[in-house]
Amino acid sequence: MSGPRYLVVDGKRFLWAELLRLRKEQRKAAKNEQQTLFPLKEDCRPPTQKTARGRFEEPTLF
């Protein structure tokens, strides 16, 4: 016995092969797009203040 040729959802028929193709495209698109956990913000500090070494060598507090 072979697998189903179509799937019935809410009275509509969907071809199984077409659903597999669409899902494959979805997964491919999702792989290319990486989501972040939080919104990224631009670092507007001077170049010397962006690293720990720069902050240590040139403190701005004094």
PDB file of N, CA and C in Angstrom:
ATOM      1  N   MET A   1       0.842  -1.179   0.000  1.00  0.00           N
ATOM      2  CA  MET A   1       0.000   0.000   0.000  1.00  0.00           C
ATOM      3  C   MET A   1       0.886   1.241   0.000  1.00  0.00           C
ATOM      4  N   SER A   2       0.631   2.175  -0.890  1.00  0.00           N
ATOM      5  CA  SER A   2       1.430   3.394  -0.988  1.00  0.00           C
ATOM      6  C   SER A   2       0.849   4.478  -0.077  1.00  0.00           C
ATOM      7  N   GLY A   3       1.601   5.558   0.074  1.00  0.00           N
ATOM      8  CA  GLY A   3       1.168   6.668   0.922  1.00  0.00           C
ATOM      9  C   GLY A   3       0.009   7.431   0.293  1.00  0.00           C
ATOM     10  N   PRO A   4      -0.582   8.347   1.028  1.00  0.00           N
ATOM     11  CA  PRO A   4      -1.721   9.104   0.510  1.00  0.00           C
ATOM     12  C   PRO A   4      -1.298  10.062  -0.606  1.00  0.00           C
ATOM     13  N   ARG A   5      -2.158  10.221  -1.587  1.00  0.00           N
ATOM     14  CA  ARG A   5      -1.869  11.142  -2.687  1.00  0.00           C
ATOM     15  C   ARG A   5      -2.299  12.555  -2.340  1.00  0.00           C
ATOM     16  N   TYR A   6      -3.292  12.677  -1.501  1.00  0.00           N
ATOM     17  CA  TYR A   6      -3.789  13.995  -1.123  1.00  0.00           C
ATOM     18  C   TYR A   6      -4.221  13.980   0.335  1.00  0.00           C
ATOM     19  N   LEU A   7      -4.367  15.190   0.875  1.00  0.00           N
ATOM     20  CA  LEU A   7      -4.756  15.375   2.269  1.00  0.00           C
ATOM     21  C   LEU A   7      -5.979  16.282   2.279  1.00  0.00           C
ATOM     22  N   VAL A   8      -6.977  15.951   3.083  1.00  0.00           N
ATOM     23  CA  VAL A   8      -8.190  16.756   3.154  1.00  0.00           C
ATOM     24  C   VAL A   8      -8.167  17.541   4.458  1.00  0.00           C
ATOM     25  N   VAL A   9      -8.202  18.874   4.323  1.00  0.00           N
ATOM     26  CA  VAL A   9      -8.215  19.773   5.488  1.00  0.00           C
ATOM     27  C   VAL A   9      -9.360  20.754   5.290  1.00  0.00           C
ATOM     28  N   ASP A  10     -10.292  20.776   6.223  1.00  0.00           N
ATOM     29  CA  ASP A  10     -11.474  21.645   6.154  1.00  0.00           C
ATOM     30  C   ASP A  10     -12.221  21.481   4.829  1.00  0.00           C
ATOM     31  N   GLY A  11     -12.302  20.268   4.338  1.00  0.00           N
ATOM     32  CA  GLY A  11     -13.035  19.992   3.113  1.00  0.00           C
ATOM     33  C   GLY A  11     -12.284  20.331   1.842  1.00  0.00           C
ATOM     34  N   LYS A  12     -11.023  20.780   1.958  1.00  0.00           N
ATOM     35  CA  LYS A  12     -10.223  21.105   0.775  1.00  0.00           C
ATOM     36  C   LYS A  12      -9.169  20.027   0.572  1.00  0.00           C
ATOM     37  N   ARG A  13      -8.933  19.676  -0.693  1.00  0.00           N
ATOM     38  CA  ARG A  13      -7.944  18.654  -1.014  1.00  0.00           C
ATOM     39  C   ARG A  13      -6.615  19.310  -1.369  1.00  0.00           C
ATOM     40  N   PHE A  14      -5.555  18.819  -0.771  1.00  0.00           N
ATOM     41  CA  PHE A  14      -4.201  19.290  -1.048  1.00  0.00           C
ATOM     42  C   PHE A  14      -3.378  18.095  -1.493  1.00  0.00           C
ATOM     43  N   LEU A  15      -2.648  18.245  -2.594  1.00  0.00           N
ATOM     44  CA  LEU A  15      -1.777  17.182  -3.053  1.00  0.00           C
ATOM     45  C   LEU A  15      -0.608  17.032  -2.084  1.00  0.00           C
ATOM     46  N   TRP A  16      -0.334  15.824  -1.692  1.00  0.00           N
ATOM     47  CA  TRP A  16       0.721  15.545  -0.721  1.00  0.00           C
ATOM     48  C   TRP A  16       2.083  15.977  -1.263  1.00  0.00           C
ATOM     49  N   ALA A  17       2.367  15.713  -2.522  1.00  0.00           N
ATOM     50  CA  ALA A  17       3.650  16.086  -3.123  1.00  0.00           C
ATOM     51  C   ALA A  17       3.826  17.603  -3.127  1.00  0.00           C
ATOM     52  N   GLU A  18       2.742  18.333  -3.369  1.00  0.00           N
ATOM     53  CA  GLU A  18       2.809  19.798  -3.365  1.00  0.00           C
ATOM     54  C   GLU A  18       3.083  20.321  -1.952  1.00  0.00           C
ATOM     55  N   LEU A  19       2.460  19.715  -0.955  1.00  0.00           N
ATOM     56  CA  LEU A  19       2.707  20.116   0.437  1.00  0.00           C
ATOM     57  C   LEU A  19       4.159  19.854   0.827  1.00  0.00           C
ATOM     58  N   LEU A  20       4.708  18.727   0.409  1.00  0.00           N
ATOM     59  CA  LEU A  20       6.107  18.422   0.702  1.00  0.00           C
ATOM     60  C   LEU A  20       7.039  19.433   0.037  1.00  0.00           C
ATOM     61  N   ARG A  21       6.739  19.811  -1.188  1.00  0.00           N
ATOM     62  CA  ARG A  21       7.563  20.791  -1.897  1.00  0.00           C
ATOM     63  C   ARG A  21       7.512  22.156  -1.204  1.00  0.00           C
ATOM     64  N   LEU A  22       6.323  22.587  -0.797  1.00  0.00           N
ATOM     65  CA  LEU A  22       6.172  23.868  -0.108  1.00  0.00           C
ATOM     66  C   LEU A  22       6.901  23.865   1.236  1.00  0.00           C
ATOM     67  N   ARG A  23       6.816  22.748   1.947  1.00  0.00           N
ATOM     68  CA  ARG A  23       7.499  22.653   3.246  1.00  0.00           C
ATOM     69  C   ARG A  23       9.012  22.703   3.070  1.00  0.00           C
ATOM     70  N   LYS A  24       9.505  22.056   2.009  1.00  0.00           N
ATOM     71  CA  LYS A  24      10.938  22.075   1.723  1.00  0.00           C
ATOM     72  C   LYS A  24      11.414  23.506   1.452  1.00  0.00           C
ATOM     73  N   GLU A  25      10.615  24.267   0.704  1.00  0.00           N
ATOM     74  CA  GLU A  25      10.944  25.670   0.440  1.00  0.00           C
ATOM     75  C   GLU A  25      10.923  26.495   1.730  1.00  0.00           C
ATOM     76  N   GLN A  26       9.946  26.229   2.601  1.00  0.00           N
ATOM     77  CA  GLN A  26       9.861  26.934   3.890  1.00  0.00           C
ATOM     78  C   GLN A  26      11.113  26.693   4.716  1.00  0.00           C
ATOM     79  N   ARG A  27      11.531  25.442   4.807  1.00  0.00           N
ATOM     80  CA  ARG A  27      12.705  25.103   5.609  1.00  0.00           C
ATOM     81  C   ARG A  27      13.966  25.733   5.039  1.00  0.00           C
ATOM     82  N   LYS A  28      14.065  25.767   3.718  1.00  0.00           N
ATOM     83  CA  LYS A  28      15.226  26.373   3.077  1.00  0.00           C
ATOM     84  C   LYS A  28      15.279  27.875   3.362  1.00  0.00           C
ATOM     85  N   ALA A  29      14.130  28.547   3.297  1.00  0.00           N
ATOM     86  CA  ALA A  29      14.067  29.984   3.571  1.00  0.00           C
ATOM     87  C   ALA A  29      14.363  30.268   5.041  1.00  0.00           C
ATOM     88  N   ALA A  30      13.877  29.422   5.941  1.00  0.00           N
ATOM     89  CA  ALA A  30      14.114  29.623   7.368  1.00  0.00           C
ATOM     90  C   ALA A  30      15.578  29.408   7.722  1.00  0.00           C
ATOM     91  N   LYS A  31      16.256  28.525   7.003  1.00  0.00           N
ATOM     92  CA  LYS A  31      17.674  28.265   7.270  1.00  0.00           C
ATOM     93  C   LYS A  31      18.515  29.494   6.929  1.00  0.00           C
ATOM     94  N   ASN A  32      18.129  30.207   5.871  1.00  0.00           N
ATOM     95  CA  ASN A  32      18.878  31.381   5.437  1.00  0.00           C
ATOM     96  C   ASN A  32      18.650  32.582   6.344  1.00  0.00           C
ATOM     97  N   GLU A  33      17.572  32.592   7.063  1.00  0.00           N
ATOM     98  CA  GLU A  33      17.217  33.731   7.910  1.00  0.00           C
ATOM     99  C   GLU A  33      17.451  33.368   9.371  1.00  0.00           C
ATOM    100  N   GLN A  34      18.382  34.053  10.019  1.00  0.00           N
ATOM    101  CA  GLN A  34      18.644  33.782  11.422  1.00  0.00           C
ATOM    102  C   GLN A  34      18.010  34.876  12.262  1.00  0.00           C
ATOM    103  N   GLN A  35      17.192  34.485  13.207  1.00  0.00           N
ATOM    104  CA  GLN A  35      16.507  35.453  14.046  1.00  0.00           C
ATOM    105  C   GLN A  35      17.345  35.768  15.279  1.00  0.00           C
ATOM    106  N   THR A  36      17.198  36.987  15.779  1.00  0.00           N
ATOM    107  CA  THR A  36      17.912  37.391  16.987  1.00  0.00           C
ATOM    108  C   THR A  36      16.990  37.291  18.187  1.00  0.00           C
ATOM    109  N   LEU A  37      17.570  37.166  19.364  1.00  0.00           N
ATOM    110  CA  LEU A  37      16.785  37.086  20.582  1.00  0.00           C
ATOM    111  C   LEU A  37      16.321  38.454  21.050  1.00  0.00           C
ATOM    112  N   PHE A  38      17.004  39.500  20.610  1.00  0.00           N
ATOM    113  CA  PHE A  38      16.678  40.860  21.017  1.00  0.00           C
ATOM    114  C   PHE A  38      17.038  41.790  19.861  1.00  0.00           C
ATOM    115  N   PRO A  39      16.461  42.993  19.827  1.00  0.00           N
ATOM    116  CA  PRO A  39      16.791  43.907  18.722  1.00  0.00           C
ATOM    117  C   PRO A  39      18.231  44.394  18.840  1.00  0.00           C
ATOM    118  N   LEU A  40      18.932  44.437  17.707  1.00  0.00           N
ATOM    119  CA  LEU A  40      20.313  44.884  17.697  1.00  0.00           C
ATOM    120  C   LEU A  40      20.362  46.404  17.682  1.00  0.00           C
ATOM    121  N   LYS A  41      21.280  46.968  18.462  1.00  0.00           N
ATOM    122  CA  LYS A  41      21.436  48.417  18.531  1.00  0.00           C
ATOM    123  C   LYS A  41      22.820  48.787  18.023  1.00  0.00           C
ATOM    124  N   GLU A  42      22.923  49.930  17.387  1.00  0.00           N
ATOM    125  CA  GLU A  42      24.193  50.415  16.858  1.00  0.00           C
ATOM    126  C   GLU A  42      25.064  50.910  18.005  1.00  0.00           C
ATOM    127  N   ASP A  43      26.334  50.533  17.995  1.00  0.00           N
ATOM    128  CA  ASP A  43      27.285  50.966  19.017  1.00  0.00           C
ATOM    129  C   ASP A  43      27.827  52.332  18.610  1.00  0.00           C
ATOM    130  N   CYS A  44      27.472  53.365  19.352  1.00  0.00           N
ATOM    131  CA  CYS A  44      27.851  54.728  18.969  1.00  0.00           C
ATOM    132  C   CYS A  44      29.047  55.248  19.772  1.00  0.00           C
ATOM    133  N   ARG A  45      29.750  54.377  20.487  1.00  0.00           N
ATOM    134  CA  ARG A  45      30.913  54.814  21.252  1.00  0.00           C
ATOM    135  C   ARG A  45      32.087  55.108  20.317  1.00  0.00           C
ATOM    136  N   PRO A  46      33.048  55.929  20.787  1.00  0.00           N
ATOM    137  CA  PRO A  46      34.257  56.158  19.993  1.00  0.00           C
ATOM    138  C   PRO A  46      35.012  54.837  19.817  1.00  0.00           C
ATOM    139  N   PRO A  47      35.789  54.716  18.755  1.00  0.00           N
ATOM    140  CA  PRO A  47      36.485  53.446  18.473  1.00  0.00           C
ATOM    141  C   PRO A  47      37.343  52.943  19.631  1.00  0.00           C
ATOM    142  N   THR A  48      37.980  53.833  20.383  1.00  0.00           N
ATOM    143  CA  THR A  48      38.838  53.380  21.482  1.00  0.00           C
ATOM    144  C   THR A  48      38.025  52.832  22.644  1.00  0.00           C
ATOM    145  N   GLN A  49      36.775  53.200  22.753  1.00  0.00           N
ATOM    146  CA  GLN A  49      35.944  52.757  23.864  1.00  0.00           C
ATOM    147  C   GLN A  49      35.168  51.477  23.559  1.00  0.00           C
ATOM    148  N   LYS A  50      35.289  50.946  22.366  1.00  0.00           N
ATOM    149  CA  LYS A  50      34.536  49.750  21.977  1.00  0.00           C
ATOM    150  C   LYS A  50      35.164  48.456  22.469  1.00  0.00           C
ATOM    151  N   THR A  51      36.445  48.492  22.876  1.00  0.00           N
ATOM    152  CA  THR A  51      37.098  47.292  23.380  1.00  0.00           C
ATOM    153  C   THR A  51      37.515  47.500  24.829  1.00  0.00           C
ATOM    154  N   ALA A  52      37.676  46.412  25.556  1.00  0.00           N
ATOM    155  CA  ALA A  52      38.093  46.496  26.953  1.00  0.00           C
ATOM    156  C   ALA A  52      39.489  47.110  27.050  1.00  0.00           C
ATOM    157  N   ARG A  53      40.346  46.745  26.119  1.00  0.00           N
ATOM    158  CA  ARG A  53      41.708  47.292  26.131  1.00  0.00           C
ATOM    159  C   ARG A  53      41.691  48.808  25.926  1.00  0.00           C
ATOM    160  N   GLY A  54      40.903  49.281  24.994  1.00  0.00           N
ATOM    161  CA  GLY A  54      40.799  50.720  24.741  1.00  0.00           C
ATOM    162  C   GLY A  54      40.251  51.468  25.941  1.00  0.00           C
ATOM    163  N   ARG A  55      39.265  50.888  26.612  1.00  0.00           N
ATOM    164  CA  ARG A  55      38.701  51.541  27.800  1.00  0.00           C
ATOM    165  C   ARG A  55      39.695  51.582  28.939  1.00  0.00           C
ATOM    166  N   PHE A  56      40.553  50.538  29.035  1.00  0.00           N
ATOM    167  CA  PHE A  56      41.562  50.490  30.091  1.00  0.00           C
ATOM    168  C   PHE A  56      42.685  51.486  29.811  1.00  0.00           C
ATOM    169  N   GLU A  57      43.119  51.560  28.554  1.00  0.00           N
ATOM    170  CA  GLU A  57      44.237  52.430  28.198  1.00  0.00           C
ATOM    171  C   GLU A  57      43.849  53.890  28.175  1.00  0.00           C
ATOM    172  N   GLU A  58      42.618  54.208  27.817  1.00  0.00           N
ATOM    173  CA  GLU A  58      42.165  55.594  27.733  1.00  0.00           C
ATOM    174  C   GLU A  58      40.838  55.760  28.477  1.00  0.00           C
ATOM    175  N   PRO A  59      40.884  55.784  29.806  1.00  0.00           N
ATOM    176  CA  PRO A  59      39.623  55.940  30.554  1.00  0.00           C
ATOM    177  C   PRO A  59      39.047  57.342  30.334  1.00  0.00           C
ATOM    178  N   THR A  60      37.741  57.440  30.300  1.00  0.00           N
ATOM    179  CA  THR A  60      37.079  58.731  30.044  1.00  0.00           C
ATOM    180  C   THR A  60      36.517  59.336  31.320  1.00  0.00           C
ATOM    181  N   LEU A  61      36.711  58.695  32.436  1.00  0.00           N
ATOM    182  CA  LEU A  61      36.131  59.173  33.693  1.00  0.00           C
ATOM    183  C   LEU A  61      36.884  60.374  34.238  1.00  0.00           C
ATOM    184  N   PHE A  62      38.181  60.481  33.964  1.00  0.00           N
ATOM    185  CA  PHE A  62      38.988  61.551  34.544  1.00  0.00           C
ATOM    186  C   PHE A  62      38.987  62.788  33.709  1.00  0.00           C
TER     187      PHE A  62
END
